[in-house]
C-alpha atoms as a PDB file:
ATOM      1  CA  MET A   1      -6.490  36.714  -8.329  1.00  0.00           C
ATOM      2  CA  ASP A   2      -9.508  36.283 -10.573  1.00  0.00           C
ATOM      3  CA  SER A   3     -11.889  33.882  -8.779  1.00  0.00           C
ATOM      4  CA  GLY A   4     -13.074  32.513 -12.121  1.00  0.00           C
ATOM      5  CA  VAL A   5      -9.609  31.127 -13.022  1.00  0.00           C
ATOM      6  CA  SER A   6      -9.080  27.576 -11.780  1.00  0.00           C
ATOM      7  CA  TYR A   7      -5.745  26.405 -10.419  1.00  0.00           C
ATOM      8  CA  GLN A   8      -4.611  23.385 -12.415  1.00  0.00           C
ATOM      9  CA  ARG A   9      -1.900  20.988 -11.288  1.00  0.00           C
ATOM     10  CA  PHE A  10      -0.114  18.466 -13.456  1.00  0.00           C
ATOM     11  CA  PRO A  11       1.632  16.023 -11.060  1.00  0.00           C
ATOM     12  CA  LYS A  12       4.567  14.003 -12.305  1.00  0.00           C
ATOM     13  CA  ILE A  13       5.834  10.647 -11.054  1.00  0.00           C
ATOM     14  CA  ARG A  14       9.401   9.362 -11.244  1.00  0.00           C
ATOM     15  CA  ILE A  15      10.071   5.753 -10.260  1.00  0.00           C
ATOM     16  CA  ARG A  16      13.206   5.181  -8.210  1.00  0.00           C
ATOM     17  CA  GLU A  17      12.957   1.492  -7.381  1.00  0.00           C
ATOM     18  CA  MET A  18      10.441  -1.166  -8.324  1.00  0.00           C
ATOM     19  CA  ARG A  19       9.960  -4.805  -7.379  1.00  0.00           C
ATOM     20  CA  ASP A  20       6.845  -6.985  -7.335  1.00  0.00           C
ATOM     21  CA  ASP A  21       6.099  -6.173  -3.690  1.00  0.00           C
ATOM     22  CA  PHE A  22       7.926  -2.853  -3.257  1.00  0.00           C
ATOM     23  CA  MET A  23       8.062   0.480  -5.009  1.00  0.00           C
ATOM     24  CA  LYS A  24       9.747   3.804  -4.260  1.00  0.00           C
ATOM     25  CA  LEU A  25       8.716   6.836  -6.287  1.00  0.00           C
ATOM     26  CA  GLU A  26       8.706  10.617  -6.372  1.00  0.00           C
ATOM     27  CA  LEU A  27       5.486  12.597  -6.756  1.00  0.00           C
ATOM     28  CA  ARG A  28       6.304  16.116  -7.923  1.00  0.00           C
ATOM     29  CA  GLU A  29       4.572  19.384  -8.828  1.00  0.00           C
ATOM     30  CA  THR A  30       1.570  18.879  -6.550  1.00  0.00           C
ATOM     31  CA  ASP A  31       0.672  19.458  -2.909  1.00  0.00           C
ATOM     32  CA  ALA A  32       0.081  17.459   0.267  1.00  0.00           C
ATOM     33  CA  SER A  33      -3.664  17.102  -0.350  1.00  0.00           C
ATOM     34  CA  MET A  34      -3.091  15.156  -3.572  1.00  0.00           C
ATOM     35  CA  ALA A  35      -0.275  13.089  -2.041  1.00  0.00           C
ATOM     36  CA  ASN A  36      -2.410  12.109   0.936  1.00  0.00           C
ATOM     37  CA  ALA A  37      -5.417  11.380  -1.277  1.00  0.00           C
ATOM     38  CA  LEU A  38      -3.288   8.986  -3.327  1.00  0.00           C
ATOM     39  CA  ARG A  39      -1.961   7.322  -0.162  1.00  0.00           C
ATOM     40  CA  ARG A  40      -5.444   6.842   1.309  1.00  0.00           C
ATOM     41  CA  VAL A  41      -6.839   5.442  -1.956  1.00  0.00           C
ATOM     42  CA  MET A  42      -4.015   2.899  -2.152  1.00  0.00           C
ATOM     43  CA  ILE A  43      -4.758   1.698   1.380  1.00  0.00           C
ATOM     44  CA  ALA A  44      -8.543   1.775   1.426  1.00  0.00           C
ATOM     45  CA  GLU A  45     -10.047   1.924  -2.069  1.00  0.00           C
ATOM     46  CA  VAL A  46      -7.989  -0.176  -4.473  1.00  0.00           C
ATOM     47  CA  PRO A  47     -10.058  -3.387  -4.896  1.00  0.00           C
ATOM     48  CA  THR A  48      -8.702  -6.869  -4.292  1.00  0.00           C
ATOM     49  CA  ILE A  49     -10.209 -10.335  -3.864  1.00  0.00           C
ATOM     50  CA  ALA A  50     -10.565 -12.019  -0.468  1.00  0.00           C
ATOM     51  CA  ILE A  51     -12.546 -14.900   1.003  1.00  0.00           C
ATOM     52  CA  ASP A  52     -15.847 -13.512   2.248  1.00  0.00           C
ATOM     53  CA  LEU A  53     -18.081 -16.566   2.765  1.00  0.00           C
ATOM     54  CA  VAL A  54     -17.090 -19.905   4.285  1.00  0.00           C
ATOM     55  CA  GLU A  55     -19.305 -23.008   4.491  1.00  0.00           C
ATOM     56  CA  ILE A  56     -17.715 -25.649   6.735  1.00  0.00           C
ATOM     57  CA  THR A  57     -19.126 -29.152   6.361  1.00  0.00           C
ATOM     58  CA  VAL A  58     -16.660 -31.087   8.550  1.00  0.00           C
ATOM     59  CA  ASN A  59     -14.471 -29.647  11.304  1.00  0.00           C
ATOM     60  CA  SER A  60     -13.019 -31.867  14.014  1.00  0.00           C
ATOM     61  CA  SER A  61      -9.936 -29.675  14.557  1.00  0.00           C
ATOM     62  CA  VAL A  62      -9.156 -27.798  17.768  1.00  0.00           C
ATOM     63  CA  LEU A  63     -10.263 -24.493  16.202  1.00  0.00           C
ATOM     64  CA  ASN A  64     -13.934 -23.569  15.967  1.00  0.00           C
ATOM     65  CA  ASP A  65     -15.612 -22.679  12.667  1.00  0.00           C
ATOM     66  CA  GLU A  66     -15.518 -18.913  13.208  1.00  0.00           C
ATOM     67  CA  PHE A  67     -11.795 -18.940  13.966  1.00  0.00           C
ATOM     68  CA  ILE A  68     -11.005 -20.864  10.780  1.00  0.00           C
ATOM     69  CA  ALA A  69     -13.274 -18.615   8.681  1.00  0.00           C
ATOM     70  CA  HIS A  70     -11.480 -15.549  10.030  1.00  0.00           C
ATOM     71  CA  ARG A  71      -8.057 -17.005   9.217  1.00  0.00           C
ATOM     72  CA  LEU A  72      -9.201 -17.864   5.693  1.00  0.00           C
ATOM     73  CA  GLY A  73     -10.439 -14.326   5.130  1.00  0.00           C
ATOM     74  CA  LEU A  74      -7.021 -12.867   5.976  1.00  0.00           C
ATOM     75  CA  ILE A  75      -5.125 -14.995   3.432  1.00  0.00           C
ATOM     76  CA  PRO A  76      -4.114 -12.640   0.585  1.00  0.00           C
ATOM     77  CA  LEU A  77      -5.207 -13.815  -2.865  1.00  0.00           C
ATOM     78  CA  THR A  78      -3.708 -12.812  -6.196  1.00  0.00           C
ATOM     79  CA  SER A  79      -5.991 -10.065  -7.481  1.00  0.00           C
ATOM     80  CA  ALA A  80      -4.477  -8.853 -10.743  1.00  0.00           C
ATOM     81  CA  HIS A  81      -7.888  -8.814 -12.456  1.00  0.00           C
ATOM     82  CA  ALA A  82      -9.912  -7.492  -9.489  1.00  0.00           C
ATOM     83  CA  MET A  83     -10.552  -4.179 -11.271  1.00  0.00           C
ATOM     84  CA  ASP A  84     -12.384  -6.104 -14.028  1.00  0.00           C
ATOM     85  CA  MET A  85     -14.605  -8.033 -11.627  1.00  0.00           C
ATOM     86  CA  ARG A  86     -17.969  -6.829 -10.364  1.00  0.00           C
ATOM     87  CA  PHE A  87     -18.810  -6.044  -6.769  1.00  0.00           C
ATOM     88  CA  ALA A  88     -21.268  -8.644  -5.464  1.00  0.00           C
ATOM     89  CA  ARG A  89     -23.762  -5.905  -4.572  1.00  0.00           C
ATOM     90  CA  ASP A  90     -23.700  -4.588  -8.153  1.00  0.00           C
ATOM     91  CA  CYS A  91     -23.760  -7.921  -9.997  1.00  0.00           C
ATOM     92  CA  ASP A  92     -26.906  -8.383 -12.097  1.00  0.00           C
ATOM     93  CA  SER A  93     -25.975 -11.940 -13.168  1.00  0.00           C
ATOM     94  CA  CYS A  94     -26.654 -13.423  -9.735  1.00  0.00           C
ATOM     95  CA  ASP A  95     -29.029 -10.762  -8.363  1.00  0.00           C
ATOM     96  CA  GLY A  96     -26.560  -9.707  -5.675  1.00  0.00           C
ATOM     97  CA  ASP A  97     -26.070 -13.226  -4.320  1.00  0.00           C
ATOM     98  CA  GLY A  98     -22.338 -12.889  -4.966  1.00  0.00           C
ATOM     99  CA  GLN A  99     -21.782 -16.446  -6.192  1.00  0.00           C
ATOM    100  CA  CYS A 100     -21.351 -16.249  -9.956  1.00  0.00           C
ATOM    101  CA  GLU A 101     -18.294 -16.253 -12.217  1.00  0.00           C
ATOM    102  CA  PHE A 102     -18.462 -12.473 -12.729  1.00  0.00           C
ATOM    103  CA  CYS A 103     -18.245 -11.469  -9.060  1.00  0.00           C
ATOM    104  CA  SER A 104     -16.773 -14.410  -7.134  1.00  0.00           C
ATOM    105  CA  VAL A 105     -14.250 -17.250  -7.083  1.00  0.00           C
ATOM    106  CA  GLU A 106     -14.922 -20.556  -5.347  1.00  0.00           C
ATOM    107  CA  PHE A 107     -12.369 -22.416  -3.211  1.00  0.00           C
ATOM    108  CA  ARG A 108     -12.577 -25.900  -1.737  1.00  0.00           C
ATOM    109  CA  LEU A 109     -10.490 -27.522   0.968  1.00  0.00           C
ATOM    110  CA  ALA A 110     -10.484 -31.136   2.126  1.00  0.00           C
ATOM    111  CA  ALA A 111      -7.835 -32.367   4.546  1.00  0.00           C
ATOM    112  CA  LYS A 112      -7.658 -35.318   6.930  1.00  0.00           C
ATOM    113  CA  CYS A 113      -4.775 -36.484   9.112  1.00  0.00           C
ATOM    114  CA  GLU A 114      -4.263 -40.243   8.843  1.00  0.00           C
ATOM    115  CA  SER A 115      -0.832 -40.551  10.450  1.00  0.00           C
ATOM    116  CA  ASP A 116       0.690 -39.987  13.861  1.00  0.00           C
ATOM    117  CA  HIS A 117       2.462 -36.870  12.581  1.00  0.00           C
ATOM    118  CA  THR A 118       0.774 -33.485  12.823  1.00  0.00           C
ATOM    119  CA  LEU A 119      -0.692 -32.380   9.499  1.00  0.00           C
ATOM    120  CA  ASP A 120      -0.333 -28.695   8.633  1.00  0.00           C
ATOM    121  CA  VAL A 121      -3.289 -27.426   6.631  1.00  0.00           C
ATOM    122  CA  THR A 122      -2.156 -24.333   4.725  1.00  0.00           C
ATOM    123  CA  SER A 123      -3.230 -22.008   1.944  1.00  0.00           C
ATOM    124  CA  ALA A 124      -1.582 -24.429  -0.506  1.00  0.00           C
ATOM    125  CA  ASP A 125      -4.429 -26.859   0.227  1.00  0.00           C
ATOM    126  CA  LEU A 126      -7.045 -24.423  -1.074  1.00  0.00           C
ATOM    127  CA  GLN A 127      -8.267 -25.469  -4.527  1.00  0.00           C
ATOM    128  CA  SER A 128      -9.439 -22.546  -6.662  1.00  0.00           C
ATOM    129  CA  ASP A 129     -11.832 -22.770  -9.608  1.00  0.00           C
ATOM    130  CA  ASP A 130     -10.016 -19.824 -11.219  1.00  0.00           C
ATOM    131  CA  PRO A 131      -6.238 -20.276 -11.760  1.00  0.00           C
ATOM    132  CA  ARG A 132      -5.810 -16.481 -11.765  1.00  0.00           C
ATOM    133  CA  VAL A 133      -6.977 -16.242  -8.141  1.00  0.00           C
ATOM    134  CA  ILE A 134      -4.792 -18.288  -5.819  1.00  0.00           C
ATOM    135  CA  PRO A 135      -3.309 -17.763  -2.330  1.00  0.00           C
ATOM    136  CA  VAL A 136      -0.180 -15.644  -2.221  1.00  0.00           C
ATOM    137  CA  ASP A 137       2.951 -17.376  -0.939  1.00  0.00           C
ATOM    138  CA  LEU A 138       6.662 -17.547  -1.718  1.00  0.00           C
ATOM    139  CA  GLN A 139       6.326 -20.117  -4.487  1.00  0.00           C
ATOM    140  CA  ARG A 140       3.287 -18.832  -6.361  1.00  0.00           C
ATOM    141  CA  THR A 141       4.872 -15.711  -7.782  1.00  0.00           C
ATOM    142  CA  PHE A 142       3.470 -13.340 -10.371  1.00  0.00           C
ATOM    143  CA  SER A 143       5.909 -14.673 -12.960  1.00  0.00           C
ATOM    144  CA  ALA A 144       4.726 -18.268 -12.689  1.00  0.00           C
ATOM    145  CA  PRO A 145       3.218 -19.248 -16.079  1.00  0.00           C
ATOM    146  CA  ASP A 146       1.052 -21.993 -14.587  1.00  0.00           C
ATOM    147  CA  PRO A 147       0.431 -21.854 -10.804  1.00  0.00           C
ATOM    148  CA  ASP A 148      -0.870 -25.443 -10.817  1.00  0.00           C
ATOM    149  CA  SER A 149       2.442 -26.733 -12.176  1.00  0.00           C
ATOM    150  CA  LEU A 150       4.483 -25.501  -9.197  1.00  0.00           C
ATOM    151  CA  ASP A 151       5.959 -28.220  -7.013  1.00  0.00           C
ATOM    152  CA  LEU A 152       5.193 -27.070  -3.477  1.00  0.00           C
ATOM    153  CA  ALA A 153       6.313 -30.385  -2.002  1.00  0.00           C
ATOM    154  CA  SER A 154       9.910 -29.712  -3.059  1.00  0.00           C
ATOM    155  CA  THR A 155      10.180 -26.535  -0.984  1.00  0.00           C
ATOM    156  CA  ASP A 156      10.243 -25.712   2.709  1.00  0.00           C
ATOM    157  CA  GLN A 157       7.529 -23.077   2.415  1.00  0.00           C
ATOM    158  CA  LYS A 158       4.126 -24.759   2.131  1.00  0.00           C
ATOM    159  CA  GLY A 159       1.867 -21.722   2.270  1.00  0.00           C
ATOM    160  CA  ILE A 160       0.139 -19.808   5.061  1.00  0.00           C
ATOM    161  CA  LEU A 161      -0.833 -22.005   8.002  1.00  0.00           C
ATOM    162  CA  ILE A 162      -4.590 -22.341   8.612  1.00  0.00           C
ATOM    163  CA  VAL A 163      -4.835 -25.120  11.212  1.00  0.00           C
ATOM    164  CA  LYS A 164      -2.956 -28.182  12.501  1.00  0.00           C
ATOM    165  CA  LEU A 165      -4.622 -31.596  12.497  1.00  0.00           C
ATOM    166  CA  ARG A 166      -3.809 -34.664  14.572  1.00  0.00           C
ATOM    167  CA  ARG A 167      -4.626 -38.280  13.700  1.00  0.00           C
ATOM    168  CA  GLY A 168      -8.306 -38.698  12.847  1.00  0.00           C
ATOM    169  CA  GLN A 169      -9.066 -34.969  12.676  1.00  0.00           C
ATOM    170  CA  GLU A 170     -10.593 -33.601   9.470  1.00  0.00           C
ATOM    171  CA  LEU A 171     -11.490 -30.312   7.819  1.00  0.00           C
ATOM    172  CA  GLN A 172     -13.737 -29.892   4.783  1.00  0.00           C
ATOM    173  CA  LEU A 173     -15.079 -26.562   3.587  1.00  0.00           C
ATOM    174  CA  ARG A 174     -16.209 -24.427   0.660  1.00  0.00           C
ATOM    175  CA  ALA A 175     -15.250 -20.752   0.466  1.00  0.00           C
ATOM    176  CA  ILE A 176     -16.379 -17.892  -1.767  1.00  0.00           C
ATOM    177  CA  ALA A 177     -13.940 -15.057  -2.525  1.00  0.00           C
ATOM    178  CA  ARG A 178     -15.334 -11.701  -3.596  1.00  0.00           C
ATOM    179  CA  LYS A 179     -14.112  -8.314  -4.709  1.00  0.00           C
ATOM    180  CA  GLY A 180     -13.915  -5.637  -2.038  1.00  0.00           C
ATOM    181  CA  ILE A 181     -11.966  -2.621  -0.743  1.00  0.00           C
ATOM    182  CA  GLY A 182     -10.036  -1.942   2.436  1.00  0.00           C
ATOM    183  CA  LYS A 183     -12.603   0.633   3.526  1.00  0.00           C
ATOM    184  CA  ASP A 184     -15.063  -2.246   4.035  1.00  0.00           C
ATOM    185  CA  HIS A 185     -12.590  -4.633   5.703  1.00  0.00           C
ATOM    186  CA  ALA A 186      -8.822  -4.738   6.151  1.00  0.00           C
ATOM    187  CA  LYS A 187      -8.628  -8.139   4.422  1.00  0.00           C
ATOM    188  CA  TRP A 188      -9.264  -6.386   1.100  1.00  0.00           C
ATOM    189  CA  SER A 189      -6.472  -3.838   1.513  1.00  0.00           C
ATOM    190  CA  PRO A 190      -3.622  -4.508  -0.949  1.00  0.00           C
ATOM    191  CA  ALA A 191      -1.185  -2.343   1.014  1.00  0.00           C
ATOM    192  CA  ALA A 192       1.160  -3.569   3.713  1.00  0.00           C
ATOM    193  CA  THR A 193       2.636  -0.060   4.041  1.00  0.00           C
ATOM    194  CA  VAL A 194       2.165   3.201   2.162  1.00  0.00           C
ATOM    195  CA  THR A 195       4.088   6.225   3.443  1.00  0.00           C
ATOM    196  CA  PHE A 196       5.256   9.505   2.000  1.00  0.00           C
ATOM    197  CA  MET A 197       7.564  12.256   3.177  1.00  0.00           C
ATOM    198  CA  TYR A 198       8.469  15.722   2.002  1.00  0.00           C
ATOM    199  CA  GLU A 199      11.720  15.853   0.087  1.00  0.00           C
ATOM    200  CA  PRO A 200      14.175  17.671   2.415  1.00  0.00           C
ATOM    201  CA  GLN A 201      16.144  20.677   1.218  1.00  0.00           C
ATOM    202  CA  ILE A 202      19.440  21.129   3.105  1.00  0.00           C
ATOM    203  CA  HIS A 203      21.690  24.190   2.792  1.00  0.00           C
ATOM    204  CA  ILE A 204      24.927  24.391   4.792  1.00  0.00           C
ATOM    205  CA  ASN A 205      26.469  27.808   5.486  1.00  0.00           C
ATOM    206  CA  GLU A 206      29.952  26.982   4.163  1.00  0.00           C
ATOM    207  CA  GLU A 207      31.570  30.186   5.473  1.00  0.00           C
ATOM    208  CA  MET A 208      30.305  29.580   9.012  1.00  0.00           C
ATOM    209  CA  MET A 209      31.225  25.890   8.806  1.00  0.00           C
ATOM    210  CA  GLU A 210      34.851  26.793   8.000  1.00  0.00           C
ATOM    211  CA  THR A 211      35.119  28.591  11.352  1.00  0.00           C
ATOM    212  CA  LEU A 212      34.663  25.268  13.184  1.00  0.00           C
ATOM    213  CA  THR A 213      37.481  22.925  14.113  1.00  0.00           C
ATOM    214  CA  LEU A 214      37.513  19.331  12.910  1.00  0.00           C
ATOM    215  CA  ALA A 215      36.453  18.157  16.376  1.00  0.00           C
ATOM    216  CA  GLU A 216      33.512  20.601  16.371  1.00  0.00           C
ATOM    217  CA  LYS A 217      32.485  19.489  12.891  1.00  0.00           C
ATOM    218  CA  THR A 218      32.613  15.842  13.981  1.00  0.00           C
ATOM    219  CA  SER A 219      30.542  16.600  17.077  1.00  0.00           C
ATOM    220  CA  TRP A 220      27.972  18.454  14.986  1.00  0.00           C
ATOM    221  CA  VAL A 221      27.737  15.671  12.389  1.00  0.00           C
ATOM    222  CA  GLU A 222      27.304  13.031  15.110  1.00  0.00           C
ATOM    223  CA  SER A 223      24.485  14.995  16.746  1.00  0.00           C
ATOM    224  CA  SER A 224      22.138  13.812  13.989  1.00  0.00           C
ATOM    225  CA  PRO A 225      20.315  10.589  14.998  1.00  0.00           C
ATOM    226  CA  THR A 226      20.452   9.421  11.371  1.00  0.00           C
ATOM    227  CA  LYS A 227      23.418   9.560   9.020  1.00  0.00           C
ATOM    228  CA  VAL A 228      22.495  12.683   7.076  1.00  0.00           C
ATOM    229  CA  PHE A 229      25.907  14.355   7.137  1.00  0.00           C
ATOM    230  CA  GLY A 230      29.487  13.164   6.879  1.00  0.00           C
ATOM    231  CA  ILE A 231      33.014  14.545   6.725  1.00  0.00           C
ATOM    232  CA  ASP A 232      35.233  14.367   3.665  1.00  0.00           C
ATOM    233  CA  HIS A 233      38.511  13.251   5.249  1.00  0.00           C
ATOM    234  CA  GLU A 234      40.601  14.717   2.428  1.00  0.00           C
ATOM    235  CA  THR A 235      39.186  18.244   2.567  1.00  0.00           C
ATOM    236  CA  GLU A 236      37.748  18.066   6.128  1.00  0.00           C
ATOM    237  CA  GLN A 237      34.519  19.565   4.780  1.00  0.00           C
ATOM    238  CA  VAL A 238      31.035  18.612   5.970  1.00  0.00           C
ATOM    239  CA  VAL A 239      28.974  17.067   3.186  1.00  0.00           C
ATOM    240  CA  VAL A 240      25.395  15.867   2.874  1.00  0.00           C
ATOM    241  CA  VAL A 241      25.522  12.068   2.689  1.00  0.00           C
ATOM    242  CA  ASP A 242      21.810  11.249   2.558  1.00  0.00           C
ATOM    243  CA  ALA A 243      19.323  14.121   2.695  1.00  0.00           C
ATOM    244  CA  GLU A 244      16.347  11.770   2.753  1.00  0.00           C
ATOM    245  CA  ALA A 245      17.560  10.178   5.990  1.00  0.00           C
ATOM    246  CA  TYR A 246      16.685  13.412   7.797  1.00  0.00           C
ATOM    247  CA  THR A 247      13.672  12.916  10.082  1.00  0.00           C
ATOM    248  CA  TYR A 248      12.901  16.588  10.857  1.00  0.00           C
ATOM    249  CA  ASP A 249      14.130  16.113  14.425  1.00  0.00           C
ATOM    250  CA  ASP A 250      15.987  19.498  14.474  1.00  0.00           C
ATOM    251  CA  GLU A 251      18.872  17.971  16.456  1.00  0.00           C
ATOM    252  CA  VAL A 252      21.576  19.431  14.207  1.00  0.00           C
ATOM    253  CA  ILE A 253      19.887  22.847  14.371  1.00  0.00           C
ATOM    254  CA  LYS A 254      19.809  22.705  18.189  1.00  0.00           C
ATOM    255  CA  LYS A 255      23.441  21.566  18.236  1.00  0.00           C
ATOM    256  CA  ALA A 256      24.479  24.503  16.046  1.00  0.00           C
ATOM    257  CA  GLU A 257      22.666  26.922  18.354  1.00  0.00           C
ATOM    258  CA  SER A 258      24.342  25.402  21.428  1.00  0.00           C
ATOM    259  CA  MET A 259      27.711  25.915  19.696  1.00  0.00           C
ATOM    260  CA  GLY A 260      26.870  29.576  19.156  1.00  0.00           C
ATOM    261  CA  LYS A 261      26.410  29.089  15.398  1.00  0.00           C
ATOM    262  CA  PRO A 262      22.724  29.732  14.641  1.00  0.00           C
ATOM    263  CA  GLY A 263      22.077  29.567  10.907  1.00  0.00           C
ATOM    264  CA  LEU A 264      24.822  26.989  10.374  1.00  0.00           C
ATOM    265  CA  VAL A 265      22.359  24.871   8.421  1.00  0.00           C
ATOM    266  CA  GLU A 266      18.914  25.455   6.946  1.00  0.00           C
ATOM    267  CA  ILE A 267      16.593  22.485   6.492  1.00  0.00           C
ATOM    268  CA  TYR A 268      13.108  22.806   5.100  1.00  0.00           C
ATOM    269  CA  PRO A 269      10.721  20.555   3.189  1.00  0.00           C
ATOM    270  CA  LYS A 270      10.132  21.004  -0.519  1.00  0.00           C
ATOM    271  CA  GLU A 271       6.374  21.452  -0.368  1.00  0.00           C
ATOM    272  CA  ASP A 272       5.609  20.295  -3.912  1.00  0.00           C
ATOM    273  CA  SER A 273       7.682  17.112  -3.890  1.00  0.00           C
ATOM    274  CA  PHE A 274       7.008  13.855  -2.033  1.00  0.00           C
ATOM    275  CA  ILE A 275       8.829  10.552  -1.731  1.00  0.00           C
ATOM    276  CA  PHE A 276       6.508   7.537  -1.547  1.00  0.00           C
ATOM    277  CA  THR A 277       7.336   4.081  -0.209  1.00  0.00           C
ATOM    278  CA  VAL A 278       4.773   1.459  -1.235  1.00  0.00           C
ATOM    279  CA  GLU A 279       4.735  -2.147  -0.016  1.00  0.00           C
ATOM    280  CA  SER A 280       2.173  -4.666  -1.258  1.00  0.00           C
ATOM    281  CA  THR A 281       0.701  -7.656   0.575  1.00  0.00           C
ATOM    282  CA  GLY A 282       1.257  -9.649  -2.617  1.00  0.00           C
ATOM    283  CA  ALA A 283      -2.366  -9.508  -3.735  1.00  0.00           C
ATOM    284  CA  ILE A 284      -1.276  -7.218  -6.564  1.00  0.00           C
ATOM    285  CA  LYS A 285       2.072  -5.827  -7.624  1.00  0.00           C
ATOM    286  CA  ALA A 286       3.122  -2.578  -5.991  1.00  0.00           C
ATOM    287  CA  SER A 287       3.233  -0.890  -9.410  1.00  0.00           C
ATOM    288  CA  GLN A 288      -0.297  -2.066 -10.212  1.00  0.00           C
ATOM    289  CA  MET A 289      -1.478  -0.794  -6.833  1.00  0.00           C
ATOM    290  CA  VAL A 290      -0.196   2.688  -7.706  1.00  0.00           C
ATOM    291  CA  MET A 291      -1.764   2.619 -11.187  1.00  0.00           C
ATOM    292  CA  ASN A 292      -5.096   1.317  -9.863  1.00  0.00           C
ATOM    293  CA  ALA A 293      -5.093   4.009  -7.166  1.00  0.00           C
ATOM    294  CA  ILE A 294      -4.611   6.681  -9.840  1.00  0.00           C
ATOM    295  CA  ASP A 295      -7.530   5.218 -11.831  1.00  0.00           C
ATOM    296  CA  VAL A 296      -9.783   5.182  -8.740  1.00  0.00           C
ATOM    297  CA  LEU A 297      -8.810   8.744  -7.870  1.00  0.00           C
ATOM    298  CA  ARG A 298      -9.496   9.855 -11.448  1.00  0.00           C
ATOM    299  CA  GLN A 299     -12.951   8.256 -11.307  1.00  0.00           C
ATOM    300  CA  LYS A 300     -13.715  10.128  -8.105  1.00  0.00           C
ATOM    301  CA  LEU A 301     -12.626  13.449  -9.613  1.00  0.00           C
ATOM    302  CA  ASP A 302     -14.680  12.754 -12.743  1.00  0.00           C
ATOM    303  CA  ALA A 303     -17.720  12.061 -10.560  1.00  0.00           C
ATOM    304  CA  VAL A 304     -17.277  15.420  -8.845  1.00  0.00           C
ATOM    305  CA  ARG A 305     -16.909  17.154 -12.222  1.00  0.00           C
ATOM    306  CA  LEU A 306     -20.075  15.511 -13.574  1.00  0.00           C
ATOM    307  CA  HIS A 307     -21.952  16.473 -10.434  1.00  0.00           C
ATOM    308  CA  ASP A 308     -20.857  20.100 -10.818  1.00  0.00           C
ATOM    309  CA  GLU A 309     -21.856  20.134 -14.482  1.00  0.00           C
ATOM    310  CA  SER A 310     -25.305  18.679 -13.746  1.00  0.00           C
ATOM    311  CA  ASP A 311     -25.846  21.306 -11.048  1.00  0.00           C
ATOM    312  CA  SER A 312     -24.995  24.118 -13.460  1.00  0.00           C
ATOM    313  CA  GLN A 313     -27.303  22.710 -16.137  1.00  0.00           C
ATOM    314  CA  LEU A 314     -30.141  22.594 -13.631  1.00  0.00           C
ATOM    315  CA  GLY A 315     -29.450  26.175 -12.688  1.00  0.00           C
ATOM    316  CA  GLY A 316     -28.733  25.332  -9.066  1.00  0.00           C
ATOM    317  CA  PHE A 317     -26.386  27.574  -7.074  1.00  0.00           C
ATOM    318  CA  THR A 318     -24.660  26.803  -3.792  1.00  0.00           C
ATOM    319  CA  GLU A 319     -23.708  29.502  -1.283  1.00  0.00           C
ATOM    320  CA  LEU A 320     -20.147  29.384  -2.639  1.00  0.00           C
ATOM    321  CA  ASP A 321     -21.412  29.870  -6.227  1.00  0.00           C
ATOM    322  CA  ALA A 322     -23.475  32.854  -5.122  1.00  0.00           C
ATOM    323  CA  HIS A 323     -20.472  34.331  -3.346  1.00  0.00           C
ATOM    324  CA  LEU A 324     -18.254  33.972  -6.431  1.00  0.00           C
ATOM    325  CA  VAL A 325     -20.924  35.444  -8.708  1.00  0.00           C
ATOM    326  CA  GLY A 326     -21.372  38.348  -6.312  1.00  0.00           C
ATOM    327  CA  ASN A 327     -17.662  39.096  -6.482  1.00  0.00           C
END
């Protein structure tokens, strides 16, 4: 192949299922390197907003300041506009202090127990100065037109628990939330789970299968740990029920060989097709996490392209360039 011709790929995505916090999709016409790059970007490089600085003025609870600050940092915050915010280190409005409207959001919390009943201090008690950035919980959904209008008192779920206070105990603090990525700290990762698998290709040798008795077919089908195969009770034929349930355990292949029927089934991965399962922490929608990951990945590829172009304009050659020119 001519070394001067680049290999271009044009991946395609087909959405199978989509909810606010869950998405299942197919990534086709690419290879494992691109699939894994997309997975890693979703986990570690899609920005979100999380509490990064806590100033505690009063704390007479049983938990020390550091413990409470750590718990606050792990509360997921709605981060739909995180891509538009500035990183604190890059903000020129506050000289990197990270406490201006362009790179941060301020929260305040003031709670005191004045009864004999234990007071639960939760994420619902955090008061944000930006209604777009609020703690994620079951009531404050993405579809809520006005998060401040939600009646949390009328529901059983009161937010994420921070600390419990007894009579006379008090907690007052100020917190600053900033933009960040999971590569810096796990609290900024928008992903609860991101996995992908090769799309399995299953081919049953129908002629060889017909030589088996119904009992042998049943035994072979049941040898799979997951329900990949089944038997059509009308025709007594083995059918593929759910190809994607196959876990590449090779149990059915080993069973066929033990029955003296090697080649009864062929199972191999389709190397240019991947099935992704994406679960969000709630900081952003699963669909937005995928789109933001594609944008981040595109920016990285553009940076590499610009770097290559600047090198060529400067007349610089790497060892690989010299090798290609020599050929």
